[in-house]
Amino acid sequence: PRGVPSHRDVRAKTEGEEMEAEGIKLSLCRLQDELAMMQVVLSGLHEHGGEVQREREHARDRETHQRRIGRTVYIRQCNIELDDLHECLALSSSQDPNRCEKEREQTEQGR
């Protein structure tokens, strides 16, 4: 009868649909594999990003520590110089005006 597909046409259409379904399944499998690989890469990037962040924090901590050490050394030097000035002031009030200069030279040679 007209308009009714033949058994062969129905079977061919079904086989075509089955082949298309297989193709879709294969494509889906490939996409799942790609997604899994991208997740591994993304995980690696997150891990690397964490390492970079930790290294930056360590570097910043080291830099801060070095600045503190530098300031401490500078403060100690200022205190030594201040002590030297106090000594010179005390000595300048003594009878020998050249004694302060001599003491300062000896102190500098001793460092």
PDB file of N, CA and C in Angstrom:
ATOM      1  N   PRO A   1       0.815  -1.205   0.000  1.00  0.00           N
ATOM      2  CA  PRO A   1       0.000   0.000   0.000  1.00  0.00           C
ATOM      3  C   PRO A   1       0.848   1.254   0.000  1.00  0.00           C
ATOM      4  N   ARG A   2       0.251   2.217  -0.576  1.00  0.00           N
ATOM      5  CA  ARG A   2       0.930   3.488  -0.728  1.00  0.00           C
ATOM      6  C   ARG A   2       1.018   4.222   0.604  1.00  0.00           C
ATOM      7  N   GLY A   3       2.176   4.876   0.907  1.00  0.00           N
ATOM      8  CA  GLY A   3       2.363   5.618   2.142  1.00  0.00           C
ATOM      9  C   GLY A   3       2.807   4.748   3.312  1.00  0.00           C
ATOM     10  N   VAL A   4       2.714   3.438   3.180  1.00  0.00           N
ATOM     11  CA  VAL A   4       3.168   2.532   4.240  1.00  0.00           C
ATOM     12  C   VAL A   4       4.563   2.066   3.859  1.00  0.00           C
ATOM     13  N   PRO A   5       5.569   2.274   4.724  1.00  0.00           N
ATOM     14  CA  PRO A   5       6.928   1.883   4.370  1.00  0.00           C
ATOM     15  C   PRO A   5       7.065   0.366   4.328  1.00  0.00           C
ATOM     16  N   SER A   6       7.922  -0.073   3.440  1.00  0.00           N
ATOM     17  CA  SER A   6       8.150  -1.519   3.317  1.00  0.00           C
ATOM     18  C   SER A   6       9.003  -1.993   4.493  1.00  0.00           C
ATOM     19  N   HIS A   7       8.983  -3.295   4.688  1.00  0.00           N
ATOM     20  CA  HIS A   7       9.764  -3.895   5.773  1.00  0.00           C
ATOM     21  C   HIS A   7      11.242  -3.543   5.600  1.00  0.00           C
ATOM     22  N   ARG A   8      11.730  -3.579   4.357  1.00  0.00           N
ATOM     23  CA  ARG A   8      13.129  -3.267   4.065  1.00  0.00           C
ATOM     24  C   ARG A   8      13.423  -1.811   4.411  1.00  0.00           C
ATOM     25  N   ASP A   9      12.521  -0.895   4.083  1.00  0.00           N
ATOM     26  CA  ASP A   9      12.719   0.527   4.406  1.00  0.00           C
ATOM     27  C   ASP A   9      12.756   0.751   5.916  1.00  0.00           C
ATOM     28  N   VAL A  10      11.863   0.059   6.627  1.00  0.00           N
ATOM     29  CA  VAL A  10      11.815   0.197   8.090  1.00  0.00           C
ATOM     30  C   VAL A  10      13.113  -0.328   8.697  1.00  0.00           C
ATOM     31  N   ARG A  11      13.581  -1.511   8.204  1.00  0.00           N
ATOM     32  CA  ARG A  11      14.814  -2.094   8.707  1.00  0.00           C
ATOM     33  C   ARG A  11      16.002  -1.185   8.402  1.00  0.00           C
ATOM     34  N   ALA A  12      16.065  -0.607   7.222  1.00  0.00           N
ATOM     35  CA  ALA A  12      17.162   0.290   6.841  1.00  0.00           C
ATOM     36  C   ALA A  12      17.147   1.539   7.724  1.00  0.00           C
ATOM     37  N   LYS A  13      15.950   2.059   7.950  1.00  0.00           N
ATOM     38  CA  LYS A  13      15.826   3.245   8.807  1.00  0.00           C
ATOM     39  C   LYS A  13      16.265   2.911  10.229  1.00  0.00           C
ATOM     40  N   THR A  14      15.867   1.764  10.746  1.00  0.00           N
ATOM     41  CA  THR A  14      16.237   1.332  12.093  1.00  0.00           C
ATOM     42  C   THR A  14      17.744   1.134  12.189  1.00  0.00           C
ATOM     43  N   GLU A  15      18.338   0.491  11.176  1.00  0.00           N
ATOM     44  CA  GLU A  15      19.797   0.292  11.177  1.00  0.00           C
ATOM     45  C   GLU A  15      20.518   1.637  11.126  1.00  0.00           C
ATOM     46  N   GLY A  16      19.996   2.563  10.343  1.00  0.00           N
ATOM     47  CA  GLY A  16      20.594   3.910  10.276  1.00  0.00           C
ATOM     48  C   GLY A  16      20.517   4.613  11.622  1.00  0.00           C
ATOM     49  N   GLU A  17      19.369   4.483  12.279  1.00  0.00           N
ATOM     50  CA  GLU A  17      19.215   5.102  13.596  1.00  0.00           C
ATOM     51  C   GLU A  17      20.135   4.445  14.617  1.00  0.00           C
ATOM     52  N   GLU A  18      20.289   3.120  14.525  1.00  0.00           N
ATOM     53  CA  GLU A  18      21.183   2.411  15.440  1.00  0.00           C
ATOM     54  C   GLU A  18      22.636   2.842  15.210  1.00  0.00           C
ATOM     55  N   MET A  19      23.023   3.017  13.934  1.00  0.00           N
ATOM     56  CA  MET A  19      24.388   3.467  13.626  1.00  0.00           C
ATOM     57  C   MET A  19      24.594   4.891  14.152  1.00  0.00           C
ATOM     58  N   GLU A  20      23.580   5.716  13.983  1.00  0.00           N
ATOM     59  CA  GLU A  20      23.672   7.091  14.483  1.00  0.00           C
ATOM     60  C   GLU A  20      23.796   7.084  16.008  1.00  0.00           C
ATOM     61  N   ALA A  21      23.013   6.219  16.670  1.00  0.00           N
ATOM     62  CA  ALA A  21      23.082   6.113  18.124  1.00  0.00           C
ATOM     63  C   ALA A  21      24.478   5.659  18.572  1.00  0.00           C
ATOM     64  N   GLU A  22      25.066   4.690  17.842  1.00  0.00           N
ATOM     65  CA  GLU A  22      26.426   4.230  18.152  1.00  0.00           C
ATOM     66  C   GLU A  22      27.421   5.376  17.994  1.00  0.00           C
ATOM     67  N   GLY A  23      27.259   6.152  16.927  1.00  0.00           N
ATOM     68  CA  GLY A  23      28.140   7.312  16.709  1.00  0.00           C
ATOM     69  C   GLY A  23      28.027   8.312  17.845  1.00  0.00           C
ATOM     70  N   ILE A  24      26.798   8.535  18.290  1.00  0.00           N
ATOM     71  CA  ILE A  24      26.584   9.463  19.404  1.00  0.00           C
ATOM     72  C   ILE A  24      27.231   8.917  20.674  1.00  0.00           C
ATOM     73  N   LYS A  25      27.091   7.595  20.907  1.00  0.00           N
ATOM     74  CA  LYS A  25      27.715   6.984  22.088  1.00  0.00           C
ATOM     75  C   LYS A  25      29.233   7.139  22.042  1.00  0.00           C
ATOM     76  N   LEU A  26      29.822   6.912  20.852  1.00  0.00           N
ATOM     77  CA  LEU A  26      31.277   7.063  20.714  1.00  0.00           C
ATOM     78  C   LEU A  26      31.694   8.511  20.967  1.00  0.00           C
ATOM     79  N   SER A  27      30.922   9.440  20.416  1.00  0.00           N
ATOM     80  CA  SER A  27      31.235  10.855  20.639  1.00  0.00           C
ATOM     81  C   SER A  27      31.142  11.195  22.119  1.00  0.00           C
ATOM     82  N   LEU A  28      30.127  10.674  22.771  1.00  0.00           N
ATOM     83  CA  LEU A  28      29.953  10.912  24.199  1.00  0.00           C
ATOM     84  C   LEU A  28      31.122  10.333  24.988  1.00  0.00           C
ATOM     85  N   CYS A  29      31.561   9.133  24.628  1.00  0.00           N
ATOM     86  CA  CYS A  29      32.716   8.515  25.299  1.00  0.00           C
ATOM     87  C   CYS A  29      33.967   9.374  25.116  1.00  0.00           C
ATOM     88  N   ARG A  30      34.184   9.860  23.893  1.00  0.00           N
ATOM     89  CA  ARG A  30      35.349  10.729  23.642  1.00  0.00           C
ATOM     90  C   ARG A  30      35.258  12.003  24.471  1.00  0.00           C
ATOM     91  N   LEU A  31      34.068  12.590  24.524  1.00  0.00           N
ATOM     92  CA  LEU A  31      33.887  13.814  25.316  1.00  0.00           C
ATOM     93  C   LEU A  31      34.133  13.548  26.804  1.00  0.00           C
ATOM     94  N   GLN A  32      33.690  12.390  27.294  1.00  0.00           N
ATOM     95  CA  GLN A  32      33.925  12.043  28.697  1.00  0.00           C
ATOM     96  C   GLN A  32      35.417  11.862  28.964  1.00  0.00           C
ATOM     97  N   ASP A  33      36.116  11.234  28.014  1.00  0.00           N
ATOM     98  CA  ASP A  33      37.573  11.088  28.152  1.00  0.00           C
ATOM     99  C   ASP A  33      38.253  12.452  28.179  1.00  0.00           C
ATOM    100  N   GLU A  34      37.843  13.334  27.276  1.00  0.00           N
ATOM    101  CA  GLU A  34      38.426  14.681  27.230  1.00  0.00           C
ATOM    102  C   GLU A  34      38.137  15.427  28.527  1.00  0.00           C
ATOM    103  N   LEU A  35      36.911  15.288  29.026  1.00  0.00           N
ATOM    104  CA  LEU A  35      36.546  15.941  30.278  1.00  0.00           C
ATOM    105  C   LEU A  35      37.415  15.422  31.420  1.00  0.00           C
ATOM    106  N   ALA A  36      37.625  14.117  31.479  1.00  0.00           N
ATOM    107  CA  ALA A  36      38.469  13.529  32.531  1.00  0.00           C
ATOM    108  C   ALA A  36      39.893  14.079  32.431  1.00  0.00           C
ATOM    109  N   MET A  37      40.405  14.176  31.207  1.00  0.00           N
ATOM    110  CA  MET A  37      41.761  14.721  31.032  1.00  0.00           C
ATOM    111  C   MET A  37      41.804  16.185  31.463  1.00  0.00           C
ATOM    112  N   MET A  38      40.778  16.942  31.110  1.00  0.00           N
ATOM    113  CA  MET A  38      40.746  18.362  31.501  1.00  0.00           C
ATOM    114  C   MET A  38      40.661  18.505  33.016  1.00  0.00           C
ATOM    115  N   GLN A  39      39.937  17.599  33.673  1.00  0.00           N
ATOM    116  CA  GLN A  39      39.852  17.642  35.133  1.00  0.00           C
ATOM    117  C   GLN A  39      41.215  17.368  35.762  1.00  0.00           C
ATOM    118  N   VAL A  40      41.962  16.434  35.176  1.00  0.00           N
ATOM    119  CA  VAL A  40      43.316  16.149  35.671  1.00  0.00           C
ATOM    120  C   VAL A  40      44.199  17.384  35.499  1.00  0.00           C
ATOM    121  N   VAL A  41      44.115  18.003  34.311  1.00  0.00           N
ATOM    122  CA  VAL A  41      44.912  19.213  34.057  1.00  0.00           C
ATOM    123  C   VAL A  41      44.508  20.327  35.023  1.00  0.00           C
ATOM    124  N   LEU A  42      43.204  20.512  35.194  1.00  0.00           N
ATOM    125  CA  LEU A  42      42.717  21.550  36.096  1.00  0.00           C
ATOM    126  C   LEU A  42      43.182  21.289  37.531  1.00  0.00           C
ATOM    127  N   SER A  43      43.127  20.032  37.944  1.00  0.00           N
ATOM    128  CA  SER A  43      43.598  19.671  39.273  1.00  0.00           C
ATOM    129  C   SER A  43      45.082  20.015  39.418  1.00  0.00           C
ATOM    130  N   GLY A  44      45.852  19.702  38.371  1.00  0.00           N
ATOM    131  CA  GLY A  44      47.280  20.040  38.386  1.00  0.00           C
ATOM    132  C   GLY A  44      47.507  21.534  38.466  1.00  0.00           C
ATOM    133  N   LEU A  45      46.680  22.292  37.744  1.00  0.00           N
ATOM    134  CA  LEU A  45      46.805  23.755  37.779  1.00  0.00           C
ATOM    135  C   LEU A  45      46.475  24.293  39.171  1.00  0.00           C
ATOM    136  N   HIS A  46      45.427  23.739  39.791  1.00  0.00           N
ATOM    137  CA  HIS A  46      45.081  24.166  41.150  1.00  0.00           C
ATOM    138  C   HIS A  46      46.227  23.861  42.108  1.00  0.00           C
ATOM    139  N   GLU A  47      46.802  22.680  41.968  1.00  0.00           N
ATOM    140  CA  GLU A  47      47.912  22.288  42.833  1.00  0.00           C
ATOM    141  C   GLU A  47      49.106  23.214  42.620  1.00  0.00           C
ATOM    142  N   HIS A  48      49.422  23.478  41.348  1.00  0.00           N
ATOM    143  CA  HIS A  48      50.545  24.362  41.028  1.00  0.00           C
ATOM    144  C   HIS A  48      50.265  25.775  41.550  1.00  0.00           C
ATOM    145  N   GLY A  49      49.015  26.221  41.369  1.00  0.00           N
ATOM    146  CA  GLY A  49      48.645  27.546  41.875  1.00  0.00           C
ATOM    147  C   GLY A  49      48.828  27.629  43.381  1.00  0.00           C
ATOM    148  N   GLY A  50      48.476  26.558  44.079  1.00  0.00           N
ATOM    149  CA  GLY A  50      48.674  26.525  45.527  1.00  0.00           C
ATOM    150  C   GLY A  50      50.141  26.589  45.894  1.00  0.00           C
ATOM    151  N   GLU A  51      50.976  25.863  45.131  1.00  0.00           N
ATOM    152  CA  GLU A  51      52.422  25.899  45.380  1.00  0.00           C
ATOM    153  C   GLU A  51      52.973  27.296  45.141  1.00  0.00           C
ATOM    154  N   VAL A  52      52.528  27.933  44.050  1.00  0.00           N
ATOM    155  CA  VAL A  52      52.982  29.295  43.738  1.00  0.00           C
ATOM    156  C   VAL A  52      52.569  30.238  44.862  1.00  0.00           C
ATOM    157  N   GLN A  53      51.329  30.112  45.327  1.00  0.00           N
ATOM    158  CA  GLN A  53      50.837  30.971  46.404  1.00  0.00           C
ATOM    159  C   GLN A  53      51.654  30.763  47.676  1.00  0.00           C
ATOM    160  N   ARG A  54      51.939  29.498  48.023  1.00  0.00           N
ATOM    161  CA  ARG A  54      52.745  29.225  49.222  1.00  0.00           C
ATOM    162  C   ARG A  54      54.147  29.808  49.071  1.00  0.00           C
ATOM    163  N   GLU A  55      54.732  29.668  47.880  1.00  0.00           N
ATOM    164  CA  GLU A  55      56.082  30.205  47.656  1.00  0.00           C
ATOM    165  C   GLU A  55      56.083  31.729  47.775  1.00  0.00           C
ATOM    166  N   ARG A  56      55.045  32.371  47.254  1.00  0.00           N
ATOM    167  CA  ARG A  56      54.948  33.838  47.385  1.00  0.00           C
ATOM    168  C   ARG A  56      54.864  34.241  48.848  1.00  0.00           C
ATOM    169  N   GLU A  57      54.058  33.504  49.620  1.00  0.00           N
ATOM    170  CA  GLU A  57      53.926  33.820  51.038  1.00  0.00           C
ATOM    171  C   GLU A  57      55.258  33.634  51.762  1.00  0.00           C
ATOM    172  N   HIS A  58      55.972  32.547  51.441  1.00  0.00           N
ATOM    173  CA  HIS A  58      57.288  32.322  52.058  1.00  0.00           C
ATOM    174  C   HIS A  58      58.255  33.446  51.687  1.00  0.00           C
ATOM    175  N   ALA A  59      58.247  33.843  50.414  1.00  0.00           N
ATOM    176  CA  ALA A  59      59.144  34.917  49.966  1.00  0.00           C
ATOM    177  C   ALA A  59      58.810  36.222  50.691  1.00  0.00           C
ATOM    178  N   ARG A  60      57.514  36.504  50.824  1.00  0.00           N
ATOM    179  CA  ARG A  60      57.092  37.722  51.515  1.00  0.00           C
ATOM    180  C   ARG A  60      57.514  37.658  52.985  1.00  0.00           C
ATOM    181  N   ASP A  61      57.364  36.480  53.611  1.00  0.00           N
ATOM    182  CA  ASP A  61      57.779  36.327  55.005  1.00  0.00           C
ATOM    183  C   ASP A  61      59.285  36.515  55.153  1.00  0.00           C
ATOM    184  N   ARG A  62      60.058  35.931  54.211  1.00  0.00           N
ATOM    185  CA  ARG A  62      61.522  36.090  54.258  1.00  0.00           C
ATOM    186  C   ARG A  62      61.904  37.558  54.089  1.00  0.00           C
ATOM    187  N   GLU A  63      61.238  38.234  53.158  1.00  0.00           N
ATOM    188  CA  GLU A  63      61.534  39.648  52.913  1.00  0.00           C
ATOM    189  C   GLU A  63      61.217  40.490  54.156  1.00  0.00           C
ATOM    190  N   THR A  64      60.081  40.225  54.772  1.00  0.00           N
ATOM    191  CA  THR A  64      59.695  40.943  55.992  1.00  0.00           C
ATOM    192  C   THR A  64      60.722  40.689  57.094  1.00  0.00           C
ATOM    193  N   HIS A  65      61.140  39.439  57.228  1.00  0.00           N
ATOM    194  CA  HIS A  65      62.138  39.085  58.239  1.00  0.00           C
ATOM    195  C   HIS A  65      63.453  39.825  57.981  1.00  0.00           C
ATOM    196  N   GLN A  66      63.880  39.875  56.724  1.00  0.00           N
ATOM    197  CA  GLN A  66      65.133  40.577  56.392  1.00  0.00           C
ATOM    198  C   GLN A  66      65.018  42.067  56.697  1.00  0.00           C
ATOM    199  N   ARG A  67      63.856  42.657  56.412  1.00  0.00           N
ATOM    200  CA  ARG A  67      63.670  44.082  56.723  1.00  0.00           C
ATOM    201  C   ARG A  67      63.745  44.312  58.233  1.00  0.00           C
ATOM    202  N   ARG A  68      63.129  43.387  59.000  1.00  0.00           N
ATOM    203  CA  ARG A  68      63.182  43.525  60.459  1.00  0.00           C
ATOM    204  C   ARG A  68      64.618  43.444  60.951  1.00  0.00           C
ATOM    205  N   ILE A  69      65.372  42.489  60.415  1.00  0.00           N
ATOM    206  CA  ILE A  69      66.781  42.356  60.804  1.00  0.00           C
ATOM    207  C   ILE A  69      67.535  43.631  60.459  1.00  0.00           C
ATOM    208  N   GLY A  70      67.288  44.155  59.250  1.00  0.00           N
ATOM    209  CA  GLY A  70      67.954  45.390  58.828  1.00  0.00           C
ATOM    210  C   GLY A  70      67.633  46.546  59.757  1.00  0.00           C
ATOM    211  N   ARG A  71      66.364  46.660  60.131  1.00  0.00           N
ATOM    212  CA  ARG A  71      65.977  47.743  61.044  1.00  0.00           C
ATOM    213  C   ARG A  71      66.619  47.556  62.411  1.00  0.00           C
ATOM    214  N   THR A  72      66.680  46.319  62.878  1.00  0.00           N
ATOM    215  CA  THR A  72      67.292  46.044  64.181  1.00  0.00           C
ATOM    216  C   THR A  72      68.764  46.419  64.174  1.00  0.00           C
ATOM    217  N   VAL A  73      69.459  46.050  63.103  1.00  0.00           N
ATOM    218  CA  VAL A  73      70.878  46.388  62.987  1.00  0.00           C
ATOM    219  C   VAL A  73      71.056  47.908  62.943  1.00  0.00           C
ATOM    220  N   TYR A  74      70.196  48.579  62.173  1.00  0.00           N
ATOM    221  CA  TYR A  74      70.279  50.039  62.071  1.00  0.00           C
ATOM    222  C   TYR A  74      70.043  50.684  63.442  1.00  0.00           C
ATOM    223  N   ILE A  75      69.055  50.185  64.169  1.00  0.00           N
ATOM    224  CA  ILE A  75      68.767  50.744  65.504  1.00  0.00           C
ATOM    225  C   ILE A  75      69.954  50.524  66.434  1.00  0.00           C
ATOM    226  N   ARG A  76      70.563  49.338  66.358  1.00  0.00           N
ATOM    227  CA  ARG A  76      71.753  49.080  67.199  1.00  0.00           C
ATOM    228  C   ARG A  76      72.876  50.050  66.850  1.00  0.00           C
ATOM    229  N   GLN A  77      73.090  50.283  65.556  1.00  0.00           N
ATOM    230  CA  GLN A  77      74.137  51.213  65.141  1.00  0.00           C
ATOM    231  C   GLN A  77      73.837  52.623  65.660  1.00  0.00           C
ATOM    232  N   CYS A  78      72.578  53.018  65.561  1.00  0.00           N
ATOM    233  CA  CYS A  78      72.196  54.345  66.067  1.00  0.00           C
ATOM    234  C   CYS A  78      72.433  54.435  67.567  1.00  0.00           C
ATOM    235  N   ASN A  79      72.103  53.363  68.290  1.00  0.00           N
ATOM    236  CA  ASN A  79      72.325  53.368  69.741  1.00  0.00           C
ATOM    237  C   ASN A  79      73.801  53.470  70.079  1.00  0.00           C
ATOM    238  N   ILE A  80      74.639  52.748  69.303  1.00  0.00           N
ATOM    239  CA  ILE A  80      76.094  52.823  69.527  1.00  0.00           C
ATOM    240  C   ILE A  80      76.580  54.249  69.274  1.00  0.00           C
ATOM    241  N   GLU A  81      76.108  54.834  68.159  1.00  0.00           N
ATOM    242  CA  GLU A  81      76.516  56.208  67.852  1.00  0.00           C
ATOM    243  C   GLU A  81      76.021  57.177  68.916  1.00  0.00           C
ATOM    244  N   LEU A  82      74.811  56.948  69.417  1.00  0.00           N
ATOM    245  CA  LEU A  82      74.267  57.800  70.471  1.00  0.00           C
ATOM    246  C   LEU A  82      75.100  57.675  71.742  1.00  0.00           C
ATOM    247  N   ASP A  83      75.482  56.446  72.075  1.00  0.00           N
ATOM    248  CA  ASP A  83      76.359  56.237  73.234  1.00  0.00           C
ATOM    249  C   ASP A  83      77.679  56.971  73.050  1.00  0.00           C
ATOM    250  N   ASP A  84      78.232  56.888  71.823  1.00  0.00           N
ATOM    251  CA  ASP A  84      79.487  57.588  71.529  1.00  0.00           C
ATOM    252  C   ASP A  84      79.319  59.095  71.719  1.00  0.00           C
ATOM    253  N   LEU A  85      78.211  59.634  71.269  1.00  0.00           N
ATOM    254  CA  LEU A  85      77.955  61.069  71.423  1.00  0.00           C
ATOM    255  C   LEU A  85      77.851  61.449  72.898  1.00  0.00           C
ATOM    256  N   HIS A  86      77.164  60.599  73.673  1.00  0.00           N
ATOM    257  CA  HIS A  86      77.063  60.875  75.114  1.00  0.00           C
ATOM    258  C   HIS A  86      78.442  60.887  75.755  1.00  0.00           C
ATOM    259  N   GLU A  87      79.277  59.925  75.342  1.00  0.00           N
ATOM    260  CA  GLU A  87      80.646  59.888  75.879  1.00  0.00           C
ATOM    261  C   GLU A  87      81.398  61.153  75.495  1.00  0.00           C
ATOM    262  N   CYS A  88      81.258  61.544  74.233  1.00  0.00           N
ATOM    263  CA  CYS A  88      81.960  62.746  73.778  1.00  0.00           C
ATOM    264  C   CYS A  88      81.483  63.976  74.539  1.00  0.00           C
ATOM    265  N   LEU A  89      80.177  64.051  74.785  1.00  0.00           N
ATOM    266  CA  LEU A  89      79.663  65.194  75.546  1.00  0.00           C
ATOM    267  C   LEU A  89      80.229  65.198  76.962  1.00  0.00           C
ATOM    268  N   ALA A  90      80.271  64.004  77.552  1.00  0.00           N
ATOM    269  CA  ALA A  90      80.815  63.912  78.902  1.00  0.00           C
ATOM    270  C   ALA A  90      82.294  64.285  78.903  1.00  0.00           C
ATOM    271  N   LEU A  91      83.008  63.829  77.887  1.00  0.00           N
ATOM    272  CA  LEU A  91      84.445  64.112  77.813  1.00  0.00           C
ATOM    273  C   LEU A  91      84.705  65.573  77.460  1.00  0.00           C
ATOM    274  N   SER A  92      83.819  66.170  76.693  1.00  0.00           N
ATOM    275  CA  SER A  92      84.055  67.559  76.284  1.00  0.00           C
ATOM    276  C   SER A  92      83.948  68.500  77.484  1.00  0.00           C
ATOM    277  N   SER A  93      83.221  68.067  78.476  1.00  0.00           N
ATOM    278  CA  SER A  93      83.132  68.900  79.680  1.00  0.00           C
ATOM    279  C   SER A  93      84.357  68.716  80.573  1.00  0.00           C
ATOM    280  N   SER A  94      85.196  67.710  80.241  1.00  0.00           N
ATOM    281  CA  SER A  94      86.437  67.516  81.008  1.00  0.00           C
ATOM    282  C   SER A  94      87.477  68.537  80.562  1.00  0.00           C
ATOM    283  N   GLN A  95      88.664  68.486  81.178  1.00  0.00           N
ATOM    284  CA  GLN A  95      89.693  69.497  80.918  1.00  0.00           C
ATOM    285  C   GLN A  95      90.340  69.363  79.544  1.00  0.00           C
ATOM    286  N   ASP A  96      90.444  68.138  78.965  1.00  0.00           N
ATOM    287  CA  ASP A  96      91.173  67.938  77.698  1.00  0.00           C
ATOM    288  C   ASP A  96      90.188  67.982  76.523  1.00  0.00           C
ATOM    289  N   PRO A  97      90.145  69.068  75.771  1.00  0.00           N
ATOM    290  CA  PRO A  97      89.197  69.178  74.660  1.00  0.00           C
ATOM    291  C   PRO A  97      89.504  68.200  73.513  1.00  0.00           C
ATOM    292  N   ASN A  98      90.732  67.735  73.340  1.00  0.00           N
ATOM    293  CA  ASN A  98      91.088  66.790  72.268  1.00  0.00           C
ATOM    294  C   ASN A  98      90.781  65.341  72.654  1.00  0.00           C
ATOM    295  N   ARG A  99      90.486  65.122  73.907  1.00  0.00           N
ATOM    296  CA  ARG A  99      90.258  63.764  74.397  1.00  0.00           C
ATOM    297  C   ARG A  99      89.042  63.115  73.708  1.00  0.00           C
ATOM    298  N   CYS A 100      87.999  63.893  73.446  1.00  0.00           N
ATOM    299  CA  CYS A 100      86.784  63.379  72.796  1.00  0.00           C
ATOM    300  C   CYS A 100      87.124  62.834  71.422  1.00  0.00           C
ATOM    301  N   GLU A 101      87.875  63.562  70.658  1.00  0.00           N
ATOM    302  CA  GLU A 101      88.274  63.130  69.308  1.00  0.00           C
ATOM    303  C   GLU A 101      89.120  61.869  69.389  1.00  0.00           C
ATOM    304  N   LYS A 102      90.043  61.806  70.328  1.00  0.00           N
ATOM    305  CA  LYS A 102      90.891  60.620  70.496  1.00  0.00           C
ATOM    306  C   LYS A 102      90.042  59.401  70.851  1.00  0.00           C
ATOM    307  N   GLU A 103      89.102  59.559  71.762  1.00  0.00           N
ATOM    308  CA  GLU A 103      88.232  58.454  72.181  1.00  0.00           C
ATOM    309  C   GLU A 103      87.394  57.946  71.000  1.00  0.00           C
ATOM    310  N   ARG A 104      86.866  58.877  70.207  1.00  0.00           N
ATOM    311  CA  ARG A 104      86.036  58.485  69.066  1.00  0.00           C
ATOM    312  C   ARG A 104      86.866  57.697  68.056  1.00  0.00           C
ATOM    313  N   GLU A 105      88.091  58.139  67.793  1.00  0.00           N
ATOM    314  CA  GLU A 105      88.975  57.422  66.856  1.00  0.00           C
ATOM    315  C   GLU A 105      89.275  56.023  67.379  1.00  0.00           C
ATOM    316  N   GLN A 106      89.523  55.899  68.665  1.00  0.00           N
ATOM    317  CA  GLN A 106      89.795  54.579  69.242  1.00  0.00           C
ATOM    318  C   GLN A 106      88.575  53.664  69.135  1.00  0.00           C
ATOM    319  N   THR A 107      87.416  54.226  69.352  1.00  0.00           N
ATOM    320  CA  THR A 107      86.168  53.441  69.266  1.00  0.00           C
ATOM    321  C   THR A 107      85.950  52.948  67.842  1.00  0.00           C
ATOM    322  N   GLU A 108      86.187  53.823  66.867  1.00  0.00           N
ATOM    323  CA  GLU A 108      86.006  53.431  65.457  1.00  0.00           C
ATOM    324  C   GLU A 108      87.024  52.379  65.046  1.00  0.00           C
ATOM    325  N   GLN A 109      88.228  52.460  65.550  1.00  0.00           N
ATOM    326  CA  GLN A 109      89.246  51.463  65.213  1.00  0.00           C
ATOM    327  C   GLN A 109      88.917  50.118  65.852  1.00  0.00           C
ATOM    328  N   GLY A 110      88.235  50.153  66.973  1.00  0.00           N
ATOM    329  CA  GLY A 110      87.880  48.925  67.680  1.00  0.00           C
ATOM    330  C   GLY A 110      86.745  48.155  67.010  1.00  0.00           C
ATOM    331  N   ARG A 111      86.018  48.768  66.098  1.00  0.00           N
ATOM    332  CA  ARG A 111      84.881  48.088  65.441  1.00  0.00           C
ATOM    333  C   ARG A 111      85.320  47.238  64.308  1.00  0.00           C
TER     334      ARG A 111
END
